[in-house]
Amino acid sequence: MPRPPNLLLIWTDQQRNDTLPCHGNTFVQAPALKQLGEESFVFRRAYCTQPVCTPSRGSILTGLWPHTHGCVNNNLPLRPDTRTLAELLPAGYARAYYGKWHLGSELNAQHGFTDWRSIEDGIYRDFYADPADRARRSSYHDFLLRHGFVPDTTEEDGAHLFSRSFTAVMPERFTKSGYLAGEAERFLQAQRRDQPFFLSVNFLEPHPPPFGPYNDLYDPASLPVGPAFMVPPGPDASAHARRVAAEVHDEGFKRFPFRTPADARRLAANYYGLVTLVDRAVGRILAALDAAGLAEDTLVVFTSDHGEQLGDHALVQKGTFYEQSTRIPLMLRVPWLGRRQVMLDGPVSQVDLVPTLLELMGLDRPAHLQGRSLAEALRDPRRPGGDVVVEWNDAKRPDEEGRCLVTPDGWKLNRYRSGHVELYDLNADAAELRNLAAAPAQAGRVRELTGRLRAWQQQTGDPLAVA
C-alpha cells in the first residue's frame, strides 16, 4: 500500500444501483463506470442511511447515523463540531470538495476542505447561515459568466441566477457535470506526487431536472422495466408511499405528467441520459488520474447519496424504504489489493464508508464512528455481513417516520411511528409487492426482527419510537 495513499471520492445524486453495468444493466451507455466496475470491489447490496439528500450526505462524510449527526431532514447544516472524513485525515493532505454540498452554505470551504468549487445557487440561498452570502454566487455561476452566458431568472431580492432548468440542457461542456470534470482535471494535473490528496467530486446529475443534453439517447419504448413498474402501492403499504404516489399521479412531476407507463418511460429515458452524462464526466476524471501518474496510489470510490424510484411502485424520486430508493451504487477500486472485479453480496451501509476508507488507507479509526469497517470483507468476500438499518425522519409528517431493517438472508422489516408494519421476503419478492407482516406464519419473524431493530436503536441512541 502506498504511504500515504490518495483518495478520490466520486459520487452522484439520486442514482439507482441498477444503472451500473456491474449490476447487470446492459442497455445504459456507461463505459467509464463499466471499466471502473471491472477493476473494483462491488457491493451488490449497499444501502443509504436515509433516502434523501442531506441526511445521507452527512452519513457518507462523517460515518454517523442521521439521528447522530443531526441532519435528519434536508437543508440542515452539519454542526461545526461534527467531523468529516476530511477532518480525520492527518496533516499534509490536500483536501478539495467540488460539487453539491447540501450540508450548510454551498459557497464556503468548510469541515476540513480548503479547496472548494460550488455549483448550486437558487433555493439553497434561503439556508445560508450568513445573510451576506446571498450576494455571492457559486463557482459554476462565475464559470458560465466567463463563457458569455446570461442568467435566465431574477429572484424576489433582485438576484440574477441561472436556473437548474436552464443549465440542465446546455451542451455537455457547460453542464454541471462538464464543469466539475474540468475542475477535477485541473486539480489532478496540478498535484505533486509527494503530497497526498483527498478529492471529493459530487455531481448533481442524475438528480432532477429530469432532462439534459442526452434526452434522445434512449428510446422510452425499449427500456426494460420490472414487475413493480407503475403498480401503485397497495392498501397495506405505508401511508407515506400511498400519499406520495397519489400526489404524483394527480400533480405530475416537474411539469411532466405521471399517469401512464408511457409518461414514466419518458422520464426514465431522460434519466438514463443523465446517467450517461455523468459517466462521460467520470471518464474524464479517471483519465486525468491516469495521465498524472497517480492511479496506482489512489483509492477510488464511486457511490450515490440515494436511489430513484423511476416509476417503480408508481413513484418517482426517492423517500421510501423500497429498494429503488434505498439501494445505491458502491464501488471501491483499491489498487494495492488488486485491479479485478470482486462482487460482495452481504448488505452494507454507507455509514460504513468512513471507517472502511480509513482502514484501507492505513489510518486509525476514531472511537466515535458508528459504522463498521468493511476492509476485512474485501480481503475475504465470503465473510457474512450483518443487519443494515435505514432511517426515515420527517419533521413535517412525524407519523410517517420509521425505520427499516434489512437482514443478510434477505428479509426486510419496516416499522413506522404510526404503528404500521411491513415485512418483505426479498428472495421471493424482490419487487416488494407482497407485505407479509400480517401473515400468521410470519408473526415470530416480525417479533424477532423487531427485537433486532430495537436493539440497534438502543445501541446507537436512536430516539424514534417505532410501534
Protein backbone atom coordinates (compact mmCIF):
# COMPACT_ATOMS: atom_id res chain seq x y z
CA MET A 1 0.00 0.00 0.00
CA PRO A 2 1.29 3.50 -0.80
CA ARG A 3 2.21 5.69 2.15
CA PRO A 4 0.15 7.76 2.39
CA PRO A 5 -2.43 6.98 -0.35
CA ASN A 6 -4.68 9.40 -2.17
CA LEU A 7 -8.47 9.27 -2.03
CA LEU A 8 -10.80 10.15 -4.91
CA LEU A 9 -14.47 10.11 -3.94
CA ILE A 10 -16.80 10.41 -6.93
CA TRP A 11 -20.46 10.48 -6.03
CA THR A 12 -23.69 11.32 -7.76
CA ASP A 13 -27.10 12.45 -6.60
CA GLN A 14 -30.10 10.13 -6.85
CA GLN A 15 -28.60 7.22 -8.77
CA ARG A 16 -30.08 3.72 -8.54
CA ASN A 17 -27.63 0.87 -8.19
CA ASP A 18 -29.11 -0.99 -11.16
CA THR A 19 -28.00 1.77 -13.54
CA LEU A 20 -24.49 0.30 -13.48
CA PRO A 21 -23.19 -2.33 -15.90
CA CYS A 22 -21.68 -4.28 -12.99
CA HIS A 23 -25.22 -4.82 -11.69
CA GLY A 24 -26.37 -6.31 -14.96
CA ASN A 25 -27.52 -3.21 -16.81
CA THR A 26 -26.83 -3.97 -20.47
CA PHE A 27 -28.54 -1.03 -22.15
CA VAL A 28 -27.14 2.04 -20.38
CA GLN A 29 -24.17 3.61 -22.13
CA ALA A 30 -21.67 3.93 -19.28
CA PRO A 31 -18.26 2.70 -20.47
CA ALA A 32 -16.28 4.55 -17.79
CA LEU A 33 -18.35 3.09 -14.96
CA LYS A 34 -18.22 -0.30 -16.64
CA GLN A 35 -14.43 -0.18 -16.67
CA LEU A 36 -14.28 1.04 -13.09
CA GLY A 37 -16.58 -1.78 -12.00
CA GLU A 38 -14.33 -4.34 -13.67
CA GLU A 39 -11.43 -3.12 -11.51
CA SER A 40 -13.29 -2.67 -8.22
CA PHE A 41 -14.85 -4.30 -5.22
CA VAL A 42 -18.56 -4.04 -5.99
CA PHE A 43 -21.19 -4.18 -3.25
CA ARG A 44 -24.36 -5.69 -4.65
CA ARG A 45 -26.49 -4.65 -1.66
CA ALA A 46 -25.30 -1.24 -0.47
CA TYR A 47 -27.86 0.95 1.30
CA CYS A 48 -28.01 4.63 2.10
CA THR A 49 -28.72 5.64 5.70
CA GLN A 50 -31.76 7.71 4.69
CA PRO A 51 -33.20 8.02 1.18
CA VAL A 52 -32.97 11.79 0.85
CA CYS A 53 -30.05 14.13 0.20
CA THR A 54 -28.87 15.91 3.36
CA PRO A 55 -29.15 13.06 5.90
CA SER A 56 -27.41 10.60 3.59
CA ARG A 57 -24.64 13.05 2.70
CA GLY A 58 -23.98 13.63 6.36
CA SER A 59 -23.51 9.89 6.92
CA ILE A 60 -21.25 9.41 3.89
CA LEU A 61 -18.87 12.12 5.10
CA THR A 62 -19.00 11.51 8.88
CA GLY A 63 -19.55 7.78 9.47
CA LEU A 64 -22.52 8.64 11.73
CA TRP A 65 -26.22 7.86 11.53
CA PRO A 66 -28.54 10.76 10.65
CA HIS A 67 -30.03 10.83 14.14
CA THR A 68 -26.48 11.22 15.49
CA HIS A 69 -25.02 13.83 13.13
CA GLY A 70 -28.31 15.71 13.39
CA CYS A 71 -29.04 16.43 9.71
CA VAL A 72 -32.25 14.38 9.76
CA ASN A 73 -34.04 16.47 7.13
CA ASN A 74 -32.94 18.36 4.03
CA ASN A 75 -31.22 21.74 4.28
CA LEU A 76 -29.95 21.34 7.83
CA PRO A 77 -26.29 22.37 8.30
CA LEU A 78 -23.74 19.91 9.61
CA ARG A 79 -22.77 21.03 13.10
CA PRO A 80 -19.33 22.69 13.29
CA ASP A 81 -18.12 20.16 15.88
CA THR A 82 -19.12 17.13 13.76
CA ARG A 83 -16.00 15.97 11.97
CA THR A 84 -15.99 14.83 8.36
CA LEU A 85 -13.54 12.44 6.74
CA ALA A 86 -11.52 15.46 5.57
CA GLU A 87 -11.07 16.48 9.20
CA LEU A 88 -10.00 12.98 10.20
CA LEU A 89 -7.08 12.80 7.76
CA PRO A 90 -3.58 13.59 9.02
CA ALA A 91 -1.78 16.86 8.31
CA GLY A 92 -0.25 17.19 4.88
CA TYR A 93 -3.27 16.13 2.80
CA ALA A 94 -4.64 18.45 0.13
CA ARG A 95 -8.39 18.45 0.69
CA ALA A 96 -10.73 19.53 -2.11
CA TYR A 97 -14.52 19.46 -2.39
CA TYR A 98 -16.09 20.09 -5.80
CA GLY A 99 -19.86 19.99 -6.37
CA LYS A 100 -23.12 19.96 -4.48
CA TRP A 101 -22.75 20.14 -0.69
CA HIS A 102 -26.26 20.41 0.83
CA LEU A 103 -24.93 20.36 4.41
CA GLY A 104 -24.83 24.10 5.01
CA SER A 105 -23.63 27.03 2.94
CA GLU A 106 -22.83 25.94 -0.60
CA LEU A 107 -20.27 28.69 -1.14
CA ASN A 108 -17.79 28.40 1.72
CA ALA A 109 -14.96 25.92 2.22
CA GLN A 110 -15.65 24.10 5.47
CA HIS A 111 -15.29 20.92 7.53
CA GLY A 112 -11.66 20.32 6.66
CA PHE A 113 -11.87 21.11 2.95
CA THR A 114 -9.76 24.05 1.82
CA ASP A 115 -10.13 23.86 -1.98
CA TRP A 116 -13.80 24.42 -2.90
CA ARG A 117 -15.89 24.56 -6.07
CA SER A 118 -19.62 25.17 -5.68
CA ILE A 119 -22.35 24.54 -8.25
CA GLU A 120 -25.61 25.47 -6.51
CA ASP A 121 -27.42 28.77 -6.02
CA GLY A 122 -31.23 29.02 -6.22
CA ILE A 123 -33.19 27.67 -3.27
CA TYR A 124 -30.00 26.98 -1.32
CA ARG A 125 -29.59 30.72 -0.75
CA ASP A 126 -32.51 30.59 1.70
CA PHE A 127 -30.45 28.44 4.06
CA TYR A 128 -27.19 30.37 4.20
CA ALA A 129 -26.09 30.99 7.79
CA ASP A 130 -24.59 34.35 6.83
CA PRO A 131 -27.15 36.59 5.04
CA ALA A 132 -24.24 38.38 3.33
CA ASP A 133 -23.60 35.21 1.31
CA ARG A 134 -26.82 35.84 -0.62
CA ALA A 135 -24.95 38.48 -2.59
CA ARG A 136 -22.35 35.91 -3.68
CA ARG A 137 -22.64 33.27 -6.38
CA SER A 138 -21.39 29.74 -6.94
CA SER A 139 -18.17 28.90 -8.75
CA TYR A 140 -20.29 27.40 -11.54
CA HIS A 141 -22.25 30.65 -11.91
CA ASP A 142 -18.98 32.53 -12.39
CA PHE A 143 -17.81 29.91 -14.90
CA LEU A 144 -20.92 30.46 -17.01
CA LEU A 145 -20.49 34.23 -16.87
CA ARG A 146 -16.91 33.88 -18.10
CA HIS A 147 -18.21 31.96 -21.12
CA GLY A 148 -20.74 34.63 -22.03
CA PHE A 149 -23.96 33.15 -20.66
CA VAL A 150 -26.59 35.45 -19.16
CA PRO A 151 -28.65 34.41 -16.08
CA ASP A 152 -32.18 33.45 -17.02
CA THR A 153 -34.01 34.16 -13.75
CA THR A 154 -34.43 37.06 -11.33
CA GLU A 155 -35.24 36.30 -7.70
CA GLU A 156 -37.54 38.35 -5.48
CA ASP A 157 -34.50 40.04 -3.94
CA GLY A 158 -33.27 41.06 -7.40
CA ALA A 159 -30.59 38.37 -7.67
CA HIS A 160 -29.88 37.24 -11.24
CA LEU A 161 -29.32 33.48 -11.29
CA PHE A 162 -29.00 30.55 -13.65
CA SER A 163 -31.88 28.16 -13.04
CA ARG A 164 -31.35 24.41 -12.93
CA SER A 165 -33.71 24.02 -15.89
CA PHE A 166 -31.60 26.44 -17.94
CA THR A 167 -28.26 24.80 -17.18
CA ALA A 168 -29.51 21.21 -17.50
CA VAL A 169 -29.95 21.43 -21.27
CA MET A 170 -26.69 23.18 -22.09
CA PRO A 171 -24.10 21.49 -24.29
CA GLU A 172 -22.23 18.87 -22.30
CA ARG A 173 -19.16 21.06 -21.75
CA PHE A 174 -21.23 23.65 -19.89
CA THR A 175 -23.42 21.36 -17.79
CA LYS A 176 -22.64 21.00 -14.11
CA SER A 177 -21.12 17.58 -14.80
CA GLY A 178 -18.92 19.02 -17.56
CA TYR A 179 -17.80 21.89 -15.34
CA LEU A 180 -16.88 19.60 -12.44
CA ALA A 181 -14.98 17.23 -14.72
CA GLY A 182 -12.90 20.14 -15.98
CA GLU A 183 -12.16 21.39 -12.47
CA ALA A 184 -11.19 17.89 -11.31
CA GLU A 185 -8.89 17.51 -14.33
CA ARG A 186 -7.11 20.73 -13.39
CA PHE A 187 -6.80 19.64 -9.77
CA LEU A 188 -5.22 16.32 -10.73
CA GLN A 189 -2.87 17.89 -13.28
CA ALA A 190 -1.54 20.22 -10.58
CA GLN A 191 -0.91 17.57 -7.91
CA ARG A 192 2.57 16.94 -6.61
CA ARG A 193 3.44 13.30 -6.17
CA ASP A 194 4.86 13.99 -2.72
CA GLN A 195 1.60 15.44 -1.34
CA PRO A 196 -1.37 13.10 -0.78
CA PHE A 197 -4.83 14.38 -1.60
CA PHE A 198 -8.49 13.82 -0.87
CA LEU A 199 -10.64 15.00 -3.77
CA SER A 200 -14.41 14.71 -3.47
CA VAL A 201 -16.44 15.34 -6.63
CA ASN A 202 -20.21 15.35 -6.20
CA PHE A 203 -22.39 15.58 -9.30
CA LEU A 204 -25.96 16.85 -9.19
CA GLU A 205 -26.99 14.52 -12.01
CA PRO A 206 -28.94 12.26 -12.46
CA HIS A 207 -31.00 14.21 -9.90
CA PRO A 208 -33.71 16.39 -11.49
CA PRO A 209 -34.29 18.47 -13.54
CA PRO A 210 -35.42 15.32 -15.36
CA PHE A 211 -33.87 16.27 -18.68
CA GLY A 212 -30.49 17.01 -20.20
CA PRO A 213 -28.43 17.01 -23.38
CA TYR A 214 -29.00 13.27 -23.97
CA ASN A 215 -32.79 13.09 -23.76
CA ASP A 216 -32.91 11.35 -27.13
CA LEU A 217 -30.19 8.80 -26.47
CA TYR A 218 -32.61 6.12 -25.23
CA ASP A 219 -35.89 5.01 -26.75
CA PRO A 220 -38.54 5.13 -23.99
CA ALA A 221 -40.45 2.20 -25.50
CA SER A 222 -37.41 -0.07 -25.43
CA LEU A 223 -36.39 0.43 -21.80
CA PRO A 224 -36.69 -2.72 -19.68
CA VAL A 225 -38.93 -2.42 -16.62
CA GLY A 226 -39.62 -4.64 -13.63
CA PRO A 227 -42.80 -6.14 -12.13
CA ALA A 228 -43.43 -3.11 -9.88
CA PHE A 229 -43.36 -0.61 -12.74
CA MET A 230 -46.35 1.74 -12.41
CA VAL A 231 -48.03 -0.57 -9.88
CA PRO A 232 -49.38 1.77 -7.15
CA PRO A 233 -48.69 0.89 -3.52
CA GLY A 234 -51.43 -1.35 -2.18
CA PRO A 235 -53.66 -0.68 0.86
CA ASP A 236 -51.18 -2.44 3.16
CA ALA A 237 -48.26 -0.26 2.01
CA SER A 238 -47.04 2.64 4.13
CA ALA A 239 -49.11 5.81 4.34
CA HIS A 240 -46.07 7.70 3.10
CA ALA A 241 -45.74 5.67 -0.12
CA ARG A 242 -49.50 5.80 -0.81
CA ARG A 243 -49.66 9.56 -0.25
CA VAL A 244 -46.71 10.34 -2.50
CA ALA A 245 -47.95 8.03 -5.26
CA ALA A 246 -51.36 9.71 -5.23
CA GLU A 247 -49.77 13.17 -5.32
CA VAL A 248 -47.50 12.47 -8.26
CA HIS A 249 -50.37 10.82 -10.16
CA ASP A 250 -52.58 13.87 -9.66
CA GLU A 251 -50.00 16.63 -9.97
CA GLY A 252 -47.29 15.17 -12.20
CA PHE A 253 -43.58 15.68 -11.63
CA LYS A 254 -41.64 18.83 -12.54
CA ARG A 255 -44.28 19.75 -15.14
CA PHE A 256 -44.17 16.23 -16.62
CA PRO A 257 -47.34 14.11 -16.46
CA PHE A 258 -47.02 10.89 -14.48
CA ARG A 259 -50.21 8.91 -15.01
CA THR A 260 -49.36 6.26 -17.58
CA PRO A 261 -46.49 3.84 -18.26
CA ALA A 262 -45.62 5.97 -21.30
CA ASP A 263 -45.26 9.02 -19.04
CA ALA A 264 -42.92 7.14 -16.72
CA ARG A 265 -40.91 5.73 -19.61
CA ARG A 266 -40.29 9.23 -20.96
CA LEU A 267 -38.87 10.33 -17.62
CA ALA A 268 -36.83 7.14 -17.35
CA ALA A 269 -35.26 7.68 -20.77
CA ASN A 270 -34.26 11.20 -19.77
CA TYR A 271 -32.86 9.87 -16.50
CA TYR A 272 -30.66 7.33 -18.27
CA GLY A 273 -29.41 10.15 -20.49
CA LEU A 274 -28.26 11.90 -17.32
CA VAL A 275 -26.51 8.71 -16.18
CA THR A 276 -24.57 8.71 -19.46
CA LEU A 277 -23.76 12.39 -18.96
CA VAL A 278 -22.25 11.57 -15.57
CA ASP A 279 -20.38 8.59 -17.00
CA ARG A 280 -18.61 10.79 -19.52
CA ALA A 281 -17.53 13.16 -16.78
CA VAL A 282 -16.29 10.24 -14.67
CA GLY A 283 -14.31 9.01 -17.67
CA ARG A 284 -12.57 12.38 -17.97
CA ILE A 285 -11.63 12.39 -14.28
CA LEU A 286 -10.26 8.85 -14.30
CA ALA A 287 -8.30 9.57 -17.49
CA ALA A 288 -6.77 12.62 -15.81
CA LEU A 289 -5.84 10.49 -12.80
CA ASP A 290 -4.05 8.05 -15.12
CA ALA A 291 -2.34 10.82 -17.09
CA ALA A 292 -0.99 12.34 -13.87
CA GLY A 293 0.58 9.00 -12.93
CA LEU A 294 -1.45 8.88 -9.71
CA ALA A 295 -3.85 5.99 -10.31
CA GLU A 296 -1.82 3.27 -8.56
CA ASP A 297 -1.57 5.39 -5.41
CA THR A 298 -5.24 6.39 -5.33
CA LEU A 299 -8.23 4.69 -3.73
CA VAL A 300 -11.25 5.46 -5.95
CA VAL A 301 -14.80 5.35 -4.59
CA PHE A 302 -17.96 5.62 -6.67
CA THR A 303 -21.33 5.90 -4.96
CA SER A 304 -24.51 8.00 -4.72
CA ASP A 305 -26.47 9.53 -1.85
CA HIS A 306 -29.71 7.63 -2.53
CA GLY A 307 -31.67 5.94 -5.29
CA GLU A 308 -34.61 6.78 -7.56
CA GLN A 309 -38.00 5.07 -7.92
CA LEU A 310 -38.15 5.73 -11.69
CA GLY A 311 -41.76 4.55 -11.98
CA ASP A 312 -41.48 1.52 -9.74
CA HIS A 313 -44.47 1.40 -7.37
CA ALA A 314 -45.86 4.29 -9.47
CA LEU A 315 -43.39 6.60 -7.73
CA VAL A 316 -40.69 8.98 -8.85
CA GLN A 317 -37.79 10.45 -6.88
CA LYS A 318 -36.82 8.88 -3.51
CA GLY A 319 -38.00 8.98 0.09
CA THR A 320 -39.38 5.47 0.66
CA PHE A 321 -37.99 2.23 2.04
CA TYR A 322 -38.39 0.49 -1.32
CA GLU A 323 -35.16 -0.93 -2.70
CA GLN A 324 -35.17 1.53 -5.59
CA SER A 325 -34.85 4.45 -3.15
CA THR A 326 -32.53 2.90 -0.58
CA ARG A 327 -30.03 0.85 -2.60
CA ILE A 328 -27.17 2.73 -4.17
CA PRO A 329 -24.02 2.04 -6.19
CA LEU A 330 -20.88 1.40 -4.17
CA MET A 331 -17.60 0.50 -5.87
CA LEU A 332 -14.12 0.68 -4.34
CA ARG A 333 -11.03 0.48 -6.54
CA VAL A 334 -8.09 -0.30 -4.25
CA PRO A 335 -5.02 -0.79 -6.48
CA TRP A 336 -2.86 -2.25 -3.71
CA LEU A 337 -5.46 -5.03 -3.25
CA GLY A 338 -5.58 -5.80 -6.98
CA ARG A 339 -7.42 -4.49 -10.01
CA ARG A 340 -10.10 -7.05 -10.69
CA GLN A 341 -13.82 -7.20 -10.10
CA VAL A 342 -14.84 -8.76 -6.79
CA MET A 343 -18.56 -8.95 -6.02
CA LEU A 344 -19.72 -8.79 -2.40
CA ASP A 345 -23.21 -10.00 -1.53
CA GLY A 346 -23.86 -9.06 2.10
CA PRO A 347 -25.84 -5.91 2.89
CA VAL A 348 -23.72 -2.91 3.88
CA SER A 349 -24.49 0.67 4.82
CA GLN A 350 -22.91 3.91 3.73
CA VAL A 351 -22.31 4.64 7.40
CA ASP A 352 -19.56 2.02 6.99
CA LEU A 353 -17.73 4.03 4.34
CA VAL A 354 -15.60 6.32 6.55
CA PRO A 355 -14.22 3.56 8.80
CA THR A 356 -13.57 1.38 5.76
CA LEU A 357 -11.63 4.08 3.94
CA LEU A 358 -9.58 4.96 6.99
CA GLU A 359 -8.52 1.33 7.45
CA LEU A 360 -7.73 0.85 3.77
CA MET A 361 -5.57 3.98 3.93
CA GLY A 362 -3.69 2.65 6.96
CA LEU A 363 -5.15 5.24 9.34
CA ASP A 364 -6.58 4.86 12.82
CA ARG A 365 -10.32 4.67 13.35
CA PRO A 366 -11.71 7.22 15.83
CA ALA A 367 -13.87 5.67 18.54
CA HIS A 368 -16.91 7.85 17.82
CA LEU A 369 -17.61 6.37 14.36
CA GLN A 370 -20.78 4.28 14.22
CA GLY A 371 -20.15 2.29 11.05
CA ARG A 372 -18.10 -0.86 10.76
CA SER A 373 -15.04 -1.24 8.58
CA LEU A 374 -15.59 -3.44 5.53
CA ALA A 375 -11.87 -3.85 4.90
CA GLU A 376 -11.86 -7.46 6.11
CA ALA A 377 -14.79 -8.24 3.80
CA LEU A 378 -12.68 -7.02 0.88
CA ARG A 379 -9.96 -9.46 1.84
CA ASP A 380 -12.48 -12.28 2.38
CA PRO A 381 -15.70 -11.63 0.40
CA ARG A 382 -17.28 -14.75 1.91
CA ARG A 383 -17.44 -13.19 5.36
CA PRO A 384 -21.09 -12.83 6.43
CA GLY A 385 -22.49 -9.35 6.76
CA GLY A 386 -24.80 -8.00 9.42
CA ASP A 387 -28.16 -6.26 9.54
CA VAL A 388 -28.47 -2.88 7.86
CA VAL A 389 -30.82 -0.14 9.06
CA VAL A 390 -32.30 2.71 7.02
CA GLU A 391 -33.92 5.72 8.67
CA TRP A 392 -36.80 7.93 7.62
CA ASN A 393 -37.17 11.17 9.55
CA ASP A 394 -39.72 13.82 8.62
CA ALA A 395 -40.33 16.79 10.88
CA LYS A 396 -43.32 17.87 8.79
CA ARG A 397 -45.06 14.46 8.91
CA PRO A 398 -43.88 12.66 12.05
CA ASP A 399 -46.50 9.91 11.71
CA GLU A 400 -44.73 8.79 8.52
CA GLU A 401 -41.34 8.43 10.22
CA GLY A 402 -39.97 4.92 10.51
CA ARG A 403 -37.06 2.52 10.49
CA CYS A 404 -36.18 -0.27 8.05
CA LEU A 405 -34.13 -3.37 8.90
CA VAL A 406 -32.58 -5.45 6.11
CA THR A 407 -31.07 -8.82 7.02
CA PRO A 408 -28.25 -10.74 5.36
CA ASP A 409 -30.65 -13.54 4.46
CA GLY A 410 -32.98 -11.26 2.53
CA TRP A 411 -35.76 -10.20 4.90
CA LYS A 412 -36.87 -6.61 5.24
CA LEU A 413 -38.87 -5.18 8.12
CA ASN A 414 -40.28 -1.64 8.06
CA ARG A 415 -41.83 -0.20 11.20
CA TYR A 416 -43.39 3.26 11.45
CA ARG A 417 -44.20 5.63 14.28
CA SER A 418 -47.86 5.25 13.27
CA GLY A 419 -47.79 1.54 14.12
CA HIS A 420 -47.82 0.33 10.54
CA VAL A 421 -45.60 -2.68 9.79
CA GLU A 422 -44.27 -4.10 6.52
CA LEU A 423 -42.38 -7.36 6.02
CA TYR A 424 -40.93 -8.38 2.67
CA ASP A 425 -39.11 -11.52 1.57
CA LEU A 426 -36.62 -10.05 -0.89
CA ASN A 427 -35.58 -13.51 -2.07
CA ALA A 428 -39.06 -14.48 -3.27
CA ASP A 429 -40.45 -10.99 -3.81
CA ALA A 430 -37.65 -8.69 -4.91
CA ALA A 431 -40.22 -6.17 -6.20
CA GLU A 432 -41.76 -5.78 -2.71
CA LEU A 433 -45.31 -6.35 -3.88
CA ARG A 434 -46.46 -8.65 -1.03
CA ASN A 435 -46.45 -7.33 2.53
CA LEU A 436 -46.26 -10.41 4.78
CA ALA A 437 -46.43 -8.59 8.11
CA ALA A 438 -49.99 -9.79 8.88
CA ALA A 439 -49.38 -13.40 7.82
CA PRO A 440 -49.77 -15.68 10.88
CA ALA A 441 -46.80 -17.77 9.72
CA GLN A 442 -44.57 -14.69 9.94
CA ALA A 443 -45.58 -13.49 13.42
CA GLY A 444 -42.45 -14.95 15.00
CA ARG A 445 -40.21 -13.40 12.36
CA VAL A 446 -41.79 -9.98 12.86
CA ARG A 447 -41.13 -10.24 16.62
CA GLU A 448 -37.55 -11.36 16.12
CA LEU A 449 -36.68 -8.65 13.59
CA THR A 450 -38.42 -6.03 15.69
CA GLY A 451 -36.22 -7.04 18.61
CA ARG A 452 -33.12 -6.70 16.44
CA LEU A 453 -34.25 -3.27 15.24
CA ARG A 454 -34.88 -2.04 18.77
CA ALA A 455 -31.51 -3.37 19.90
CA TRP A 456 -29.90 -1.30 17.13
CA GLN A 457 -31.87 1.75 18.29
CA GLN A 458 -30.66 1.32 21.84
CA GLN A 459 -27.07 0.76 20.74
CA THR A 460 -26.98 3.85 18.53
CA GLY A 461 -29.09 6.14 20.72
CA ASP A 462 -31.90 6.40 18.18
CA PRO A 463 -34.78 8.28 19.85
CA LEU A 464 -37.55 7.39 17.38
CA ALA A 465 -40.38 5.45 19.00
CA VAL A 466 -41.49 2.93 16.39
CA ALA A 467 -44.59 0.99 17.44
